[in-house]
Structure formats: C-alpha cells, structure tokens
Protein backbone atom coordinates (compact mmCIF):
# COMPACT_ATOMS: atom_id res chain seq x y z
CA MET A 1 10.60 -12.25 -25.82
CA ALA A 2 12.01 -10.23 -28.70
CA ALA A 3 14.80 -8.39 -26.88
CA GLN A 4 18.24 -10.00 -26.91
CA LEU A 5 19.54 -10.86 -23.45
CA PRO A 6 22.87 -9.11 -22.71
CA GLY A 7 25.87 -11.37 -23.19
CA THR A 8 27.43 -10.42 -19.84
CA PHE A 9 24.16 -11.34 -18.13
CA THR A 10 23.84 -14.74 -19.82
CA GLU A 11 27.45 -15.67 -19.03
CA ARG A 12 26.94 -14.86 -15.37
CA MET A 13 23.68 -16.85 -15.26
CA LYS A 14 25.40 -19.86 -16.82
CA GLU A 15 27.99 -19.68 -14.04
CA LEU A 16 25.32 -19.36 -11.33
CA LEU A 17 22.99 -22.09 -12.62
CA GLY A 18 25.34 -24.60 -14.22
CA THR A 19 23.37 -27.49 -15.67
CA GLU A 20 20.07 -25.71 -14.93
CA TYR A 21 20.86 -22.83 -17.25
CA GLU A 22 19.20 -24.29 -20.35
CA GLN A 23 15.99 -24.90 -18.43
CA PHE A 24 16.16 -21.31 -17.15
CA ALA A 25 16.76 -19.95 -20.67
CA GLU A 26 13.68 -21.77 -22.00
CA THR A 27 11.43 -19.71 -19.69
CA TYR A 28 12.10 -16.65 -21.87
CA LYS A 29 10.02 -18.31 -24.57
CA GLU A 30 7.03 -18.61 -22.23
CA THR A 31 4.27 -16.15 -21.47
CA PRO A 32 4.73 -14.54 -18.03
CA TYR A 33 2.27 -15.58 -15.35
CA ALA A 34 -0.31 -13.10 -14.10
CA GLY A 35 -2.21 -12.97 -10.85
CA ILE A 36 -4.55 -11.13 -8.54
CA ARG A 37 -4.49 -10.78 -4.77
CA VAL A 38 -7.77 -10.57 -2.84
CA ASN A 39 -8.23 -7.36 -0.84
CA THR A 40 -9.46 -8.72 2.48
CA LEU A 41 -10.15 -5.20 3.72
CA LYS A 42 -13.26 -5.44 1.54
CA ILE A 43 -14.02 -9.08 0.77
CA THR A 44 -13.05 -12.52 2.03
CA VAL A 45 -11.25 -15.05 -0.14
CA PRO A 46 -14.25 -17.44 -0.24
CA GLU A 47 -16.56 -14.58 -1.25
CA LEU A 48 -14.26 -13.51 -4.07
CA LEU A 49 -13.89 -17.08 -5.31
CA GLU A 50 -17.67 -17.46 -5.37
CA ARG A 51 -18.12 -14.21 -7.31
CA SER A 52 -15.08 -14.34 -9.59
CA PRO A 53 -15.93 -14.00 -13.29
CA PHE A 54 -12.73 -15.79 -14.31
CA ASP A 55 -10.97 -19.01 -13.34
CA LEU A 56 -8.47 -18.74 -10.50
CA GLU A 57 -5.67 -21.04 -9.34
CA PRO A 58 -4.08 -20.63 -5.88
CA ILE A 59 -0.56 -19.21 -5.61
CA PRO A 60 1.18 -21.49 -3.08
CA TRP A 61 3.16 -18.82 -1.19
CA CYS A 62 0.30 -16.33 -0.76
CA PRO A 63 -3.03 -17.47 0.75
CA THR A 64 -4.86 -14.50 -0.81
CA GLY A 65 -3.12 -14.77 -4.20
CA PHE A 66 -4.38 -16.49 -7.36
CA TYR A 67 -3.11 -17.04 -10.87
CA THR A 68 -5.45 -15.75 -13.55
CA GLU A 69 -6.10 -17.62 -16.75
CA GLU A 70 -4.42 -16.49 -19.95
CA GLY A 71 -6.55 -13.89 -21.69
CA ALA A 72 -8.36 -12.82 -18.51
CA ARG A 73 -8.65 -9.06 -18.13
CA PRO A 74 -9.27 -8.48 -14.41
CA GLY A 75 -8.58 -4.76 -14.81
CA LYS A 76 -11.65 -4.49 -17.07
CA HIS A 77 -14.14 -5.71 -14.51
CA PRO A 78 -16.12 -3.47 -12.11
CA TYR A 79 -14.72 -5.47 -9.17
CA TYR A 80 -11.27 -4.06 -9.90
CA HIS A 81 -12.67 -0.52 -9.62
CA ALA A 82 -14.39 -1.47 -6.36
CA GLY A 83 -10.98 -2.47 -4.98
CA LEU A 84 -11.80 -6.14 -4.43
CA TYR A 85 -8.44 -7.34 -5.75
CA TYR A 86 -5.04 -6.05 -6.74
CA ILE A 87 -3.43 -7.16 -10.00
CA GLN A 88 0.06 -8.31 -9.08
CA GLU A 89 2.87 -10.45 -10.44
CA PRO A 90 2.76 -13.74 -8.46
CA SER A 91 6.35 -13.73 -7.16
CA ALA A 92 5.91 -10.16 -5.90
CA MET A 93 3.32 -11.42 -3.41
CA ALA A 94 5.93 -13.40 -1.45
CA PRO A 95 7.92 -10.76 0.50
CA VAL A 96 5.01 -9.41 2.57
CA GLU A 97 4.09 -12.94 3.63
CA LEU A 98 7.57 -13.26 5.19
CA LEU A 99 7.01 -10.18 7.38
CA VAL A 100 4.46 -12.14 9.49
CA ILE A 101 2.52 -8.97 10.31
CA GLN A 102 0.42 -8.94 13.47
CA PRO A 103 -2.61 -6.71 14.14
CA GLY A 104 -1.48 -3.48 15.79
CA ASP A 105 2.00 -3.52 14.26
CA ARG A 106 3.70 -0.37 13.07
CA VAL A 107 4.93 -1.14 9.56
CA LEU A 108 7.15 0.82 7.18
CA ASP A 109 7.12 0.06 3.45
CA LEU A 110 10.25 1.94 2.53
CA CYS A 111 10.24 1.70 -1.30
CA ALA A 112 6.52 1.34 -1.75
CA ALA A 113 5.37 2.66 -5.16
CA PRO A 114 3.14 1.75 -6.91
CA GLY A 115 1.63 0.28 -3.76
CA GLY A 116 0.96 -3.41 -4.34
CA LYS A 117 2.89 -4.55 -1.28
CA SER A 118 1.50 -1.69 0.81
CA THR A 119 -2.07 -2.78 0.06
CA GLN A 120 -1.05 -6.33 1.01
CA ILE A 121 0.38 -5.06 4.32
CA ALA A 122 -2.74 -2.99 4.98
CA ALA A 123 -4.96 -6.02 4.46
CA LYS A 124 -2.97 -7.91 7.09
CA LEU A 125 -3.25 -5.03 9.57
CA GLN A 126 -7.05 -4.96 9.06
CA GLY A 127 -7.33 -1.32 10.01
CA THR A 128 -5.21 -1.59 13.17
CA GLY A 129 -1.75 -0.22 13.91
CA LEU A 130 0.04 2.01 11.44
CA LEU A 131 1.33 1.76 7.89
CA ILE A 132 3.76 4.33 6.51
CA SER A 133 4.33 3.89 2.77
CA ASN A 134 7.23 5.83 1.31
CA ASP A 135 8.80 6.39 -2.06
CA LEU A 136 11.70 8.66 -2.95
CA HIS A 137 10.32 9.57 -6.39
CA PRO A 138 7.57 12.23 -6.25
CA ASP A 139 5.82 11.13 -9.45
CA ARG A 140 5.53 7.55 -8.19
CA THR A 141 3.85 8.59 -4.95
CA LYS A 142 0.74 9.61 -6.93
CA ALA A 143 0.04 6.01 -7.93
CA LEU A 144 0.97 4.84 -4.43
CA ALA A 145 -1.56 7.17 -2.78
CA LYS A 146 -4.27 6.30 -5.29
CA ASN A 147 -3.88 2.57 -4.74
CA LEU A 148 -4.10 2.94 -0.97
CA GLU A 149 -7.27 4.97 -1.45
CA LEU A 150 -8.82 2.55 -3.95
CA TYR A 151 -8.26 -0.41 -1.63
CA GLY A 152 -9.88 1.27 1.38
CA VAL A 153 -6.84 1.80 3.62
CA ARG A 154 -7.78 3.86 6.69
CA ASN A 155 -4.55 3.70 8.74
CA GLY A 156 -1.96 4.65 6.10
CA ILE A 157 0.40 7.60 5.65
CA VAL A 158 2.25 8.29 2.38
CA LEU A 159 5.64 9.99 2.46
CA ASN A 160 8.04 11.19 -0.24
CA GLU A 161 11.26 11.06 1.74
CA SER A 162 14.75 9.62 1.87
CA PRO A 163 15.19 6.58 4.15
CA GLU A 164 17.71 8.55 6.20
CA ARG A 165 15.21 11.32 7.01
CA ILE A 166 12.58 8.78 7.98
CA ALA A 167 15.09 7.10 10.31
CA ALA A 168 15.87 10.46 11.89
CA ALA A 169 12.16 11.16 12.44
CA PHE A 170 11.24 7.62 13.62
CA PRO A 171 14.30 6.05 15.28
CA GLY A 172 13.63 2.52 16.56
CA PHE A 173 9.90 2.96 15.91
CA PHE A 174 8.70 0.20 13.55
CA ASP A 175 7.89 -3.43 14.33
CA ARG A 176 8.21 -4.49 10.70
CA ILE A 177 10.00 -2.90 7.74
CA LEU A 178 9.77 -3.98 4.11
CA ILE A 179 12.57 -2.99 1.75
CA ASP A 180 11.48 -3.89 -1.77
CA ALA A 181 14.72 -2.40 -2.95
CA PRO A 182 15.34 -0.60 -6.24
CA CYS A 183 17.37 -3.01 -8.33
CA SER A 184 18.62 -3.89 -11.80
CA GLY A 185 15.38 -5.80 -12.46
CA GLU A 186 16.93 -8.88 -14.05
CA GLY A 187 14.10 -11.04 -12.72
CA MET A 188 11.64 -9.01 -14.79
CA PHE A 189 13.46 -9.33 -18.14
CA ARG A 190 10.84 -11.77 -19.43
CA LYS A 191 7.99 -9.50 -18.37
CA ASP A 192 9.44 -6.09 -19.27
CA GLU A 193 11.75 -5.81 -22.27
CA ASP A 194 12.55 -2.19 -21.43
CA MET A 195 14.50 -3.44 -18.42
CA VAL A 196 16.66 -5.50 -20.75
CA LYS A 197 17.43 -2.43 -22.85
CA GLN A 198 18.35 -0.37 -19.79
CA TRP A 199 20.65 -2.98 -18.28
CA GLU A 200 24.43 -2.54 -18.47
CA PRO A 201 27.26 -4.58 -16.91
CA GLY A 202 27.74 -1.94 -14.22
CA THR A 203 24.05 -1.67 -13.33
CA PRO A 204 24.05 -4.27 -10.50
CA ARG A 205 26.97 -2.58 -8.75
CA LYS A 206 25.26 0.82 -8.93
CA TYR A 207 22.12 -0.54 -7.31
CA ALA A 208 24.04 -2.54 -4.70
CA ASP A 209 25.60 0.65 -3.34
CA MET A 210 22.14 2.24 -3.11
CA GLN A 211 20.62 -0.82 -1.43
CA ARG A 212 23.22 -0.90 1.33
CA GLU A 213 22.46 2.70 2.26
CA ILE A 214 18.76 1.85 2.46
CA LEU A 215 19.48 -1.12 4.73
CA LEU A 216 21.47 1.07 7.12
CA ALA A 217 18.61 3.56 7.41
CA ALA A 218 16.07 0.76 7.91
CA ALA A 219 18.13 -0.68 10.77
CA ASP A 220 17.94 2.70 12.55
CA SER A 221 14.14 2.80 12.09
CA LEU A 222 13.49 -0.70 13.47
CA LYS A 223 12.38 -1.39 17.01
CA PRO A 224 14.61 -3.82 18.97
CA GLY A 225 13.30 -7.30 18.30
CA GLY A 226 11.70 -6.24 15.03
CA THR A 227 11.94 -7.74 11.55
CA ILE A 228 13.18 -6.44 8.20
CA VAL A 229 12.33 -8.23 4.97
CA TYR A 230 14.62 -7.28 2.10
CA SER A 231 13.61 -8.20 -1.43
CA THR A 232 14.63 -7.56 -5.03
CA CYS A 233 13.46 -8.71 -8.45
CA THR A 234 16.98 -9.39 -9.69
CA PHE A 235 19.37 -12.33 -9.92
CA ALA A 236 22.65 -10.44 -9.34
CA PRO A 237 24.42 -11.80 -6.20
CA GLU A 238 25.98 -8.43 -5.38
CA GLU A 239 22.47 -6.93 -5.05
CA ASN A 240 21.13 -9.87 -3.05
CA GLU A 241 23.35 -12.03 -0.88
CA GLY A 242 26.20 -9.52 -1.18
CA SER A 243 24.13 -6.63 0.21
CA ILE A 244 22.78 -8.75 3.07
CA LEU A 245 26.11 -10.32 4.08
CA GLU A 246 27.78 -6.91 4.19
CA PHE A 247 24.94 -5.56 6.34
CA LEU A 248 25.10 -8.51 8.75
CA ALA A 249 28.85 -8.14 9.12
CA GLY A 250 28.37 -4.62 10.44
CA HIS A 251 25.25 -5.32 12.50
CA PRO A 252 25.80 -8.28 14.86
CA GLN A 253 22.41 -7.62 16.53
CA PHE A 254 20.75 -8.90 13.34
CA THR A 255 20.41 -12.50 12.19
CA ALA A 256 19.20 -13.88 8.87
CA VAL A 257 16.41 -16.33 9.68
CA PRO A 258 15.20 -19.04 7.28
CA ALA A 259 12.69 -17.68 4.78
CA GLY A 260 10.90 -21.02 4.46
CA GLY A 261 8.54 -21.31 1.54
CA SER A 262 7.32 -24.91 1.88
CA GLY A 263 9.62 -26.14 -0.86
CA TRP A 264 8.77 -23.44 -3.37
CA PHE A 265 11.71 -21.20 -2.53
CA ALA A 266 15.27 -22.16 -3.42
CA PRO A 267 17.96 -21.28 -0.84
CA GLY A 268 20.16 -18.24 -1.23
CA LEU A 269 23.66 -18.42 -2.68
CA ASP A 270 27.15 -17.40 -1.53
CA GLY A 271 26.97 -18.34 2.12
CA LEU A 272 23.41 -17.16 2.79
CA PRO A 273 21.23 -20.28 2.57
CA GLU A 274 18.67 -18.71 4.93
CA ALA A 275 17.61 -16.35 2.12
CA ALA A 276 15.19 -17.41 -0.60
CA ARG A 277 15.25 -17.23 -4.37
CA LEU A 278 12.35 -17.70 -6.75
CA TRP A 279 13.66 -18.99 -10.06
CA PRO A 280 11.31 -18.81 -13.07
CA HIS A 281 12.25 -22.33 -14.15
CA LYS A 282 11.19 -23.68 -10.74
CA VAL A 283 8.05 -21.67 -9.92
CA LYS A 284 5.20 -20.10 -11.84
CA GLY A 285 6.45 -16.56 -11.47
CA GLU A 286 9.31 -14.17 -12.19
CA GLY A 287 12.71 -14.00 -10.54
CA HIS A 288 12.84 -12.78 -6.94
CA PHE A 289 15.17 -12.70 -3.93
CA MET A 290 14.17 -12.36 -0.26
CA ALA A 291 15.97 -12.24 3.07
CA VAL A 292 14.41 -12.06 6.55
CA LEU A 293 16.50 -10.12 9.08
CA ARG A 294 15.58 -10.37 12.77
CA HIS A 295 16.82 -7.99 15.44
CA ASP A 296 17.88 -9.77 18.64
CA GLY A 297 16.01 -7.36 20.92
CA SER A 298 19.08 -5.91 22.57
CA ALA A 299 18.70 -2.37 23.89
CA ALA A 300 19.88 0.47 21.68
CA ALA A 301 22.30 3.14 22.74
CA PRO A 302 20.77 6.16 24.54
CA GLY A 303 19.36 8.68 22.10
CA SER A 304 19.00 6.17 19.26
CA ASP A 305 16.70 3.24 18.48
CA GLY A 306 15.46 2.34 21.93
CA ASP A 307 14.39 5.88 22.79
CA ALA A 308 12.28 6.23 19.65
CA ASP A 309 8.92 6.73 21.30
CA THR A 310 10.09 9.61 23.49
CA ALA A 311 10.11 11.79 20.34
CA LEU A 312 6.36 11.27 19.96
CA PRO A 313 3.43 12.44 22.06
CA ALA A 314 2.51 10.11 24.91
CA SER A 315 -0.74 9.23 23.12
CA VAL A 316 1.13 7.42 20.35
CA ARG A 317 3.96 5.79 22.28
CA SER A 318 2.15 2.50 22.78
CA LYS A 319 2.16 -0.17 20.09
CA GLY A 320 -0.16 0.68 17.23
CA GLY A 321 0.76 4.32 16.93
CA SER A 322 -2.73 5.75 17.33
CA ALA A 323 -4.90 7.06 20.09
CA ALA A 324 -8.36 5.87 19.04
CA ARG A 325 -10.38 8.98 19.75
CA PRO A 326 -13.02 10.70 17.63
CA VAL A 327 -12.04 13.69 15.54
CA LYS A 328 -13.49 16.83 17.07
CA ALA A 329 -13.00 20.56 17.15
CA GLY A 330 -10.90 22.10 19.91
CA GLY A 331 -8.57 19.09 19.99
CA GLY A 332 -5.25 20.88 20.47
CA LYS A 333 -2.17 21.77 18.50
CA ASP A 334 -1.92 18.46 16.65
CA ARG A 335 -4.89 19.39 14.47
CA GLU A 336 -2.94 21.41 11.90
CA ALA A 337 -0.52 20.19 9.25
CA LYS A 338 2.97 21.59 9.66
CA GLY A 339 5.55 21.25 6.94
CA GLY A 340 3.77 18.50 5.04
CA ARG A 341 2.05 18.68 1.71
CA GLY A 342 -0.93 17.07 0.05
CA GLN A 343 -1.31 16.48 -3.65
CA GLY A 344 -3.45 14.75 -6.22
CA LYS A 345 -7.17 14.12 -6.41
CA GLY A 346 -8.91 14.37 -3.09
CA GLY A 347 -6.64 16.72 -1.20
CA GLY A 348 -3.92 18.82 -2.65
CA ALA A 349 -3.46 22.13 -0.82
CA ARG A 350 0.28 21.93 -0.37
CA GLY A 351 1.05 22.79 3.21
CA GLN A 352 -1.46 25.66 3.43
CA ARG A 353 -2.46 26.36 6.99
CA PRO A 354 -5.89 27.51 8.11
CA GLN A 355 -6.35 31.07 9.25
CA GLY A 356 -7.73 31.66 12.73
CA SER A 357 -10.55 29.24 13.44
CA GLY A 358 -10.29 27.49 10.06
CA ILE A 359 -9.58 24.09 11.64
CA ASP A 360 -12.52 24.41 14.01
CA ALA A 361 -14.82 25.40 11.15
CA ALA A 362 -13.67 22.41 9.12
CA LEU A 363 -14.13 20.02 12.03
CA ALA A 364 -17.55 21.41 12.88
CA ALA A 365 -18.70 20.99 9.26
CA PHE A 366 -17.24 17.47 9.18
CA ALA A 367 -18.96 16.56 12.45
CA GLY A 368 -22.26 17.72 10.96
CA PHE A 369 -21.71 15.56 7.89
CA CYS A 370 -20.89 12.56 10.06
CA ARG A 371 -24.05 12.99 12.13
CA GLU A 372 -26.22 13.30 9.04
CA GLN A 373 -24.53 10.80 6.73
CA LEU A 374 -22.65 8.26 8.85
CA GLY A 375 -24.09 8.28 12.35
CA TRP A 376 -20.56 7.83 13.68
CA GLN A 377 -17.20 9.63 13.45
CA PRO A 378 -13.78 8.25 12.47
CA ALA A 379 -11.19 8.12 15.26
CA GLY A 380 -7.74 9.61 14.91
CA PHE A 381 -5.86 12.87 14.68
CA PRO A 382 -7.39 15.54 12.42
CA VAL A 383 -4.92 17.13 9.99
CA LEU A 384 -5.83 20.03 7.72
CA PHE A 385 -4.07 20.84 4.44
CA GLY A 386 -5.63 24.11 3.36
CA GLU A 387 -9.32 23.17 3.12
CA HIS A 388 -8.64 19.42 2.92
CA LEU A 389 -9.26 17.32 6.04
CA TYR A 390 -7.58 14.02 6.89
CA VAL A 391 -7.82 11.70 9.88
CA SER A 392 -4.33 10.43 10.68
CA PRO A 393 -3.08 7.56 12.84
CA LEU A 394 -0.35 9.97 14.03
CA PRO A 395 -0.48 13.56 15.24
CA SER A 396 0.80 16.04 12.69
CA SER A 397 3.71 16.89 15.00
CA ALA A 398 5.13 13.41 14.29
CA LEU A 399 5.35 14.35 10.60
CA ASP A 400 6.94 17.76 11.09
CA GLY A 401 9.48 18.54 8.37
CA LEU A 402 8.70 15.40 6.34
CA LYS A 403 7.41 15.56 2.76
CA THR A 404 3.94 14.21 3.37
CA ILE A 405 1.76 13.23 0.43
CA ARG A 406 -1.09 11.76 2.48
CA PRO A 407 -1.09 12.24 6.28
CA GLY A 408 -3.90 9.74 6.71
CA TRP A 409 -7.40 8.80 5.57
CA TYR A 410 -8.80 11.62 3.42
CA MET A 411 -12.17 12.78 4.66
CA GLY A 412 -13.01 15.63 2.29
CA GLN A 413 -12.97 19.38 1.75
CA LEU A 414 -14.49 22.44 3.40
CA ARG A 415 -16.02 24.54 0.62
CA SER A 416 -18.00 27.73 1.30
CA GLY A 417 -18.70 26.52 4.82
CA ARG A 418 -19.98 23.12 3.65
CA PHE A 419 -18.20 19.79 3.98
CA ILE A 420 -17.77 17.90 0.68
CA PRO A 421 -16.89 14.23 1.30
CA GLY A 422 -13.86 12.86 -0.50
CA HIS A 423 -13.69 9.78 -2.68
CA PRO A 424 -11.25 7.94 -0.35
CA LEU A 425 -13.75 8.28 2.50
CA ALA A 426 -16.28 6.38 0.39
CA THR A 427 -13.95 3.63 -0.82
CA ALA A 428 -13.05 2.65 2.75
CA LEU A 429 -16.63 2.51 4.03
CA LYS A 430 -18.98 -0.46 4.27
CA PRO A 431 -22.66 -0.02 3.34
CA SER A 432 -23.65 -0.46 6.99
CA GLU A 433 -21.48 2.53 7.90
CA SER A 434 -23.39 4.96 5.68
CA GLY A 435 -26.84 6.43 6.26
CA ARG A 436 -27.72 5.89 2.60
CA SER A 437 -26.33 3.34 0.18
CA LEU A 438 -27.12 1.94 -3.23
CA SER A 439 -25.89 -1.33 -4.71
CA LEU A 440 -25.38 -1.46 -8.48
CA ASP A 441 -25.33 -4.70 -10.46
CA SER A 442 -21.96 -5.61 -11.96
CA THR A 443 -23.55 -7.69 -14.71
CA ASN A 444 -26.13 -5.46 -16.38
CA GLY A 445 -24.06 -2.39 -17.26
CA GLU A 446 -25.27 0.01 -14.58
CA ALA A 447 -22.06 -0.33 -12.55
CA VAL A 448 -20.00 0.52 -15.63
CA SER A 449 -22.27 3.49 -16.33
CA TYR A 450 -21.56 4.79 -12.83
CA LEU A 451 -17.80 4.21 -13.24
CA LYS A 452 -17.93 6.21 -16.48
CA GLY A 453 -19.36 9.17 -14.57
CA GLU A 454 -22.92 9.01 -15.93
CA THR A 455 -26.03 10.25 -14.10
CA LEU A 456 -28.37 7.37 -13.23
CA ALA A 457 -32.12 7.16 -12.81
CA VAL A 458 -32.65 5.44 -9.44
CA PRO A 459 -36.09 5.00 -7.83
CA GLU A 460 -36.21 5.71 -4.12
CA GLN A 461 -37.08 2.11 -3.24
CA ARG A 462 -33.66 0.97 -4.42
CA LEU A 463 -31.89 3.05 -1.79
CA ALA A 464 -30.95 1.47 1.54
CA VAL A 465 -31.72 4.25 4.03
CA GLN A 466 -30.91 3.91 7.72
CA PRO A 467 -33.77 4.68 10.15
CA GLY A 468 -34.05 8.38 10.79
CA SER A 469 -32.31 9.37 7.54
CA SER A 470 -33.85 11.05 4.53
CA PRO A 471 -33.25 9.52 1.06
CA LYS A 472 -32.11 12.92 -0.24
CA GLY A 473 -28.38 13.59 -0.08
CA TYR A 474 -25.07 11.77 -0.41
CA VAL A 475 -25.33 8.06 -1.16
CA LEU A 476 -22.56 5.48 -0.79
CA VAL A 477 -22.60 3.81 -4.21
CA CYS A 478 -21.60 0.15 -4.14
CA ILE A 479 -21.00 -2.52 -6.76
CA ASP A 480 -22.67 -5.77 -5.74
CA GLY A 481 -22.54 -4.47 -2.16
CA PHE A 482 -18.92 -3.22 -2.16
CA SER A 483 -18.21 0.51 -1.90
CA ALA A 484 -17.02 2.33 -5.01
CA GLY A 485 -17.73 6.04 -4.48
CA TRP A 486 -20.30 8.73 -3.81
CA GLY A 487 -23.48 9.80 -5.58
CA LYS A 488 -26.01 12.45 -4.65
CA TRP A 489 -29.69 11.42 -4.83
CA GLN A 490 -32.70 13.66 -5.31
CA ASP A 491 -36.11 13.08 -6.90
CA GLY A 492 -35.22 9.76 -8.55
CA MET A 493 -31.89 10.87 -10.03
CA LEU A 494 -28.40 10.00 -8.81
CA LYS A 495 -25.88 12.72 -9.56
CA ASN A 496 -22.54 11.07 -10.16
CA GLU A 497 -19.69 12.05 -7.80
CA TYR A 498 -17.16 9.53 -9.13
CA PRO A 499 -13.84 11.42 -9.71
CA ALA A 500 -13.02 12.26 -13.33
CA GLY A 501 -9.47 10.97 -13.01
CA TRP A 502 -10.65 7.53 -11.83
CA ARG A 503 -13.32 6.88 -14.46
CA TRP A 504 -13.69 3.79 -16.62
CA THR A 505 -12.11 4.28 -20.04
C-alpha cells in the first residue's frame, strides 16, 4: 500500500502484538484477498461451483463463501446481475455465521448498508421469519435496498432510523440482532487507503462512544433469550473489548459466549477471551473483531422488553412476524402506509396515501396480474406508497412513525388503472412461479444484451409458457434459468423492461 500508516497506530499495534508485529506489518505489502458468497435464495453451493466461470477456494468460516482468484472479475459476469452471489471481503462473512439464525427468526441488522450481511441473513432465513435492515445514513439505504432486491429477498424491510427509535417501536422483539458497528476501520487499512488518511489518534474513542449507545438500544430490542453479535473491522481495543466489557458490566442478564471459529479465530484481548479476532497475518482476510452476547432469558420489567409483542397486532405476535395470508382488497386498516416513505427505483412515492378506494383499485389490479401472470398471489400485508404496492411481513401499523425506505417486497405500480410489475418482484421469482419465462444463455452474449437494455428477437418456441397462458405479455427473463428481470413479448420481439439504473455498463 502507498499510504503511510499513522505513527500512533503502529506504536499501539506493536504493543498489542509484541513479537508478531513484524509479521503483521508484512501483510501491508500483500494484495488483499477477495471473495464471493453464494446466494442460496437462488442457487445451491454445488450448483454454483459447477457453473462458476472462475476458480474458487472455500473460506473456512463461511460454508457459502469462496475466495476468488487474483484477476477474477465476478462483478463483470451475468451471474452477478442475476444475484447468484455477493462480492464480499472474506472476513466480513464471519459475523453472520455466529448469529446461528434459525428459520422463522426475527432478525435486525442494525447498521446494515450496503447490505452484504443482510443478504447473508436473508439467505439463512430462506424466506421465513422477518428481516429488518436499518442504516442511519439516508444515502446508504439506497444501496442497501437495491442489494436486497437484487438478491431476491421477499421478507425484508429497510429502515432509515436511529437504533433508539427502533428499540422504542420494537421493544424485546427480535430473536437475533447484528451490530456491524461503525468504527475507525483500522482492519481495512490495507484494502482502503482512504481510511488511513481519515484516521486520527482520537478516532477510536469517538467511535467507541457511538458503539456503546448502539449496544444499549440493541439490548432493548432483543427478546429475552436472544443473541446479539457485535462486530467491527478495527483493531482498537476501546472499540472492541472495551465496548463489550462496559456493556456487560451494566447488563448482568447478558453473557459473552465463545465465538469458536475452529482454530481460525484468535481470542479477544483485555479480559474477553470469548470474543474473536481475525488478524490478517493469521487468516486470509482483513482485520475483524466479533463478540457473541447471549441474553439469559430472564423476564423483562413490565412495559419493556418482555411485553414487546403486545404493541403489535395479534396476527404478528407469534414467532416469524408474519401472518401468511394472500394480499387481497378489503383487508382492513393495515393496507395503507402511514408515516413511512419509499424511494429509489421501483417505488418512491414518499408517504403519499391513496384517495378513497385507491388501495382497493391497486389490489384489484394486482390480483388480476397475479391471476394472469403468476397463477398464485404473494402472502403478507399490502402496503401502498402512493401508486406503489408492497407486500410486507408486518402490517403498516407496526411501522408507524418510522422512516421506512422499503416496507417489504415491492410488487409494482398502479398506472392508469393497470398494474405494472416491479423489477424486485421479478428478481425474487423462480421460473416455475411465472406463467411465462425465457432463459438466456450467459455465454453467447444474449444475456449481456438484455442486461444492457436491448430489445431481443425471440421466437415463440423459446418461451416456457404455463398451460392456459398466452405467450403474449410479461415474461420472466432468466439467465441460465435464474431470474433477472422482466420483458414483454409480442410477435417474436421481447421488449426490454430491465431498469435503466441497473443496466450493464
């Protein structure tokens, strides 16, 4: 790396590492490792390995993670645009594995942007339960929402809120909480020289104060008996062991449990051996810290954690957070968005509310589309932002007053009385779930042509049309059988519906 490491930083690292410091310092002359993580919402690990156009080496702490060879460009392959894998730094794949997510869990990713760990959580939930992904910075939530859409997440909500306001809205609600805390980023110095330039001696202390506030809010959001995983990409003890030890001192109902790691993780420092550190001179990855905090299950005081579910409708009080019922018109007061906002491609009418029977008109048009195009209807709570329809794992009343970027799975838009399907609806579908589908070849250029937004000549015999459906209309366009977006077929031509902002460049 070209940037000079700060002297205060190197002196502290010499003190922390002792005789290992020289070995640690040598890693700054090496090329950072790169990796991908298989999106098992769309493809299995064996299938991806069989299809992969580049060599892959397993990452030991993540069963769906693989190192990519130097010079590989996984972001320049159609499979990336079909959401089959997420490009992610190898060490960053470790924290979600420590959450030990179970199907049906309610999970909060509190500092989620740009969404890598949220997509990893979603893959473990496999469409069950609930995922709320939050980030405090509005600009960062755009990338967060887009990644959840690209990777076919159906049960996710994206918020732009403070941890304290989330805790007030969802006290004692979540089974698992991930805090990938904002930090001084020392573990990324080798990978990102800008972080070196921004670092100052007082930076770790500034972030430590912020991290402790986030931990307090997370504790209020956690269900008794639940688990918090706290992680950073820094080496500073005050941001790692210091933050956790201070939290534990004030919260006797929590215990730090061993992070494990099968020998790949080094123990924590300063009286917290249960935590884990990934050192770049010991693993093929960047610097990381992780701590697993388990609640003992003791009952909360009345009106706080233990009474969390009483603030929600009875239909969402059971584990999983969703009443699995089809979206339909006439479904009650939870159909309209209140106080939230949508933004970005695929649904951005900020908090507009339908006039009169607007929600019923939207749901009727959507139901007609589902009958004609899908033959089935997604289950959940319908939420309308202006003319934009979502299906949410929670009723809109549960999100009242919260800055909501995405209240759920985006279905599409009501335009002049017609329902126009949204891109995120397509990316989360399987070919068997659509009345018409078309598979493009990733190797002969036609998939790239589609991703560039070009119109394609497609003979009718190439379409897979379900019995009883006409070939004319919306087609789920797939790449080697994996959904990528919509097209509209008529008379041998496929009109491209791939969003301009997503196109191959």
